[in-house]
Amino acid sequence: MNLRSRRGKRSVELHNSALNDILFILLLFFLIVSTLANPNVIKLTLPKAKSNTKAKQTVVVSINDKREFFVGTNKVPFESLKQMLVPALARDTAGATIVINAEKTVPVEDVVRVMEVSREIGARVVLATANPQRKE
């Protein structure tokens, strides 16, 4: 039989309401961080270079939805495109690059024709695309 009085005993309680708040905040943090990480990315080990390997934007050839060709801001018929590109590319022979800006509705044949002209000149070609992160 227990003859001692219960006055001296204390009940021990653990208040875990703050613990629930902290766990909830941590859960939200990890959910937000996990949505920022892109799981559909292919991991590649890219080679490193000591110099800047970006192509210089030497000449911009634009093609609008009416299939009109522009060198810079000058409208040029396709037949004289090569004659317009040669002097513009002669200034920078080391990194001669043609950037093609084509409207989305332009047939691929027109882009390929500009690529063939740039191959004849001996220039590299870069096809400009829209930024997928930007909403239009």
Protein backbone atom coordinates (compact mmCIF):
# COMPACT_ATOMS: atom_id res chain seq x y z
CA MET A 1 0.00 0.00 0.00
CA ASN A 2 1.25 3.43 -0.86
CA LEU A 3 1.09 5.59 2.27
CA ARG A 4 2.98 8.57 0.96
CA SER A 5 1.11 11.68 0.14
CA ARG A 6 0.63 12.79 -3.40
CA ARG A 7 1.49 16.41 -2.61
CA GLY A 8 5.19 16.05 -3.39
CA LYS A 9 4.76 14.52 -6.83
CA ARG A 10 4.80 16.71 -9.84
CA SER A 11 3.39 15.74 -13.17
CA VAL A 12 5.78 16.13 -16.07
CA GLU A 13 4.33 17.60 -19.25
CA LEU A 14 5.96 18.29 -22.55
CA HIS A 15 4.54 21.17 -24.55
CA ASN A 16 4.99 20.37 -28.20
CA SER A 17 2.87 23.08 -29.80
CA ALA A 18 6.00 24.98 -30.84
CA LEU A 19 7.45 21.78 -32.27
CA ASN A 20 4.41 21.39 -34.53
CA ASP A 21 4.89 24.93 -35.87
CA ILE A 22 8.57 24.34 -36.58
CA LEU A 23 7.89 21.05 -38.37
CA PHE A 24 5.17 22.70 -40.46
CA ILE A 25 7.54 25.50 -41.52
CA LEU A 26 10.26 22.98 -42.39
CA LEU A 27 7.77 20.95 -44.45
CA LEU A 28 6.74 24.06 -46.40
CA PHE A 29 10.37 25.02 -46.96
CA PHE A 30 11.29 21.63 -48.42
CA LEU A 31 8.16 21.54 -50.59
CA ILE A 32 8.99 24.93 -52.09
CA VAL A 33 12.65 24.04 -52.64
CA SER A 34 11.76 20.73 -54.27
CA THR A 35 9.51 22.46 -56.82
CA LEU A 36 12.35 24.80 -57.79
CA ALA A 37 14.67 21.91 -58.59
CA ASN A 38 14.05 20.59 -62.10
CA PRO A 39 13.99 16.78 -62.06
CA ASN A 40 13.91 16.53 -65.88
CA VAL A 41 17.43 17.85 -66.38
CA ILE A 42 20.09 15.60 -67.85
CA LYS A 43 23.25 15.90 -65.79
CA LEU A 44 26.32 16.29 -67.97
CA THR A 45 29.90 17.05 -67.16
CA LEU A 46 30.76 19.89 -69.51
CA PRO A 47 34.31 20.61 -70.67
CA LYS A 48 35.97 23.72 -69.32
CA ALA A 49 37.73 26.30 -71.45
CA LYS A 50 40.21 28.97 -70.48
CA SER A 51 38.91 31.48 -73.00
CA ASN A 52 35.45 32.78 -73.72
CA THR A 53 33.83 30.42 -76.23
CA LYS A 54 30.65 32.39 -76.88
CA ALA A 55 30.01 33.24 -80.51
CA LYS A 56 30.05 36.93 -81.31
CA GLN A 57 26.85 38.20 -82.83
CA THR A 58 28.30 39.59 -86.03
CA VAL A 59 25.35 39.84 -88.40
CA VAL A 60 21.65 39.31 -87.70
CA VAL A 61 19.45 38.02 -90.52
CA SER A 62 15.75 38.30 -89.75
CA ILE A 63 12.87 36.69 -91.63
CA ASN A 64 9.36 37.96 -90.93
CA ASP A 65 6.02 36.25 -91.50
CA LYS A 66 5.78 37.77 -95.02
CA ARG A 67 9.02 35.91 -95.90
CA GLU A 68 10.98 39.16 -96.21
CA PHE A 69 14.70 39.07 -95.39
CA PHE A 70 16.46 41.72 -93.31
CA VAL A 71 20.19 42.13 -92.68
CA GLY A 72 20.23 44.10 -89.45
CA THR A 73 17.34 46.49 -90.07
CA ASN A 74 17.78 46.78 -93.87
CA LYS A 75 15.30 44.93 -96.05
CA VAL A 76 17.15 42.81 -98.61
CA PRO A 77 15.84 40.54 -101.37
CA PHE A 78 17.10 36.99 -101.00
CA GLU A 79 19.01 37.16 -104.29
CA SER A 80 21.28 39.91 -102.93
CA LEU A 81 21.60 38.46 -99.41
CA LYS A 82 25.05 37.00 -100.10
CA GLN A 83 26.35 40.31 -101.47
CA MET A 84 25.16 42.09 -98.29
CA LEU A 85 26.64 39.50 -95.91
CA VAL A 86 30.14 39.26 -97.40
CA PRO A 87 31.23 42.85 -96.56
CA ALA A 88 29.60 42.70 -93.14
CA LEU A 89 31.43 39.48 -92.26
CA ALA A 90 34.76 40.63 -93.72
CA ARG A 91 35.31 42.82 -90.63
CA ASP A 92 35.41 39.83 -88.27
CA THR A 93 36.96 36.83 -90.01
CA ALA A 94 37.90 34.93 -86.84
CA GLY A 95 34.40 34.59 -85.41
CA ALA A 96 32.18 35.23 -88.42
CA THR A 97 28.70 34.34 -87.18
CA ILE A 98 25.25 34.84 -88.65
CA VAL A 99 22.33 34.89 -86.22
CA ILE A 100 19.02 33.93 -87.81
CA ASN A 101 15.85 35.37 -86.27
CA ALA A 102 12.90 33.73 -87.98
CA GLU A 103 9.23 34.21 -87.25
CA LYS A 104 7.51 31.09 -85.94
CA THR A 105 5.39 30.74 -89.08
CA VAL A 106 8.31 30.99 -91.54
CA PRO A 107 8.86 27.76 -93.51
CA VAL A 108 12.02 25.83 -92.67
CA GLU A 109 13.10 26.11 -96.31
CA ASP A 110 13.80 29.84 -95.88
CA VAL A 111 15.93 29.22 -92.81
CA VAL A 112 17.83 26.47 -94.65
CA ARG A 113 18.42 28.79 -97.61
CA VAL A 114 20.05 31.36 -95.29
CA MET A 115 22.12 28.55 -93.73
CA GLU A 116 23.33 27.48 -97.18
CA VAL A 117 24.37 31.05 -98.01
CA SER A 118 26.30 31.31 -94.76
CA ARG A 119 28.02 27.96 -95.46
CA GLU A 120 29.11 29.28 -98.87
CA ILE A 121 30.58 32.35 -97.17
CA GLY A 122 32.26 30.24 -94.49
CA ALA A 123 30.40 31.69 -91.51
CA ARG A 124 28.90 29.91 -88.54
CA VAL A 125 25.14 29.98 -88.04
CA VAL A 126 23.19 30.46 -84.83
CA LEU A 127 19.41 30.08 -84.85
CA ALA A 128 17.83 32.43 -82.30
CA THR A 129 14.95 31.00 -80.29
CA ALA A 130 12.58 32.39 -77.70
CA ASN A 131 13.36 32.08 -74.01
CA PRO A 132 11.25 29.16 -72.69
CA GLN A 133 11.09 30.73 -69.21
CA ARG A 134 9.43 33.91 -70.48
CA LYS A 135 5.65 33.89 -70.99
CA GLU A 136 4.43 35.73 -74.08
